[in-house]
Amino acid sequence: MIQLEDLLASTGGELAGAPIARQFADFCYDSRLAAPGQLFLAIKTERRDGHTFITDAIRGGCTGVLCEQPPAGLAGATVIVVADVRLALQQWASALLKRYQPTVVAVTGSVGKSSTKRAIAMLLAGLGPTFSSRRSFNSLFGLPIALGRLEPQHQFAVLEMGLDRFGEMQRLTALFPPQIAVVTNVAPTHLRY
């Protein structure tokens, strides 16, 4: 569960108006997939600006919005304004890991990350509550979204970490420092990173 107070404290975000909801079930970054109780991330990309889809996300059931510019006249949602949505998401996820303190297992490599992550999570689940990042949410954007489902009772967090640009792994491990690292393999295409 994503708590409003945690978001505000870790990101320096500010509320635009009175909060409607104080906790959120999950993150949403595509208004077409919005569901009740989610926090919509108004992400700017090269092609689109998520701010233009805030109203659609609220109609779809989102009860909160994390954005850089507060929408005018928006009702029915908690609005958190930050300088940079992507950076705020990373700050929140990093702070959450520090607060809950699970043993972090990072899985990386050119191939086999997801299946290795699932196998490790299955084994660790026999020792205690285990979180595993869903799907291939393994980037600076996806991993914080996956951590939206991390709970205080999780003793282990198995995180898939991928990279497609120089410096990305250093940033991932700085934000989400692992106690254990697993490298499946390194293909020539990844040697430059």
Foldseek 3Di string as FASTA:
>chain_A
DAFQVLLCVQFVWDWDDDAPDGAAQAEDDDLVPAAARYEYEQADDPVDTSVVCPVSNVVRHHQHYEEQDDDPPDDRHTYIHGNHRLVSLLRSLLVVCVVLVAQEEEEEEDDDRVVVLVVVQVVCVVVFAEAEQPDQLAFSRRQSRSSSPPDSRHNYYYGYHYDDDPPRVVVVCVSVPHPHYHYPYYDPVRPVD
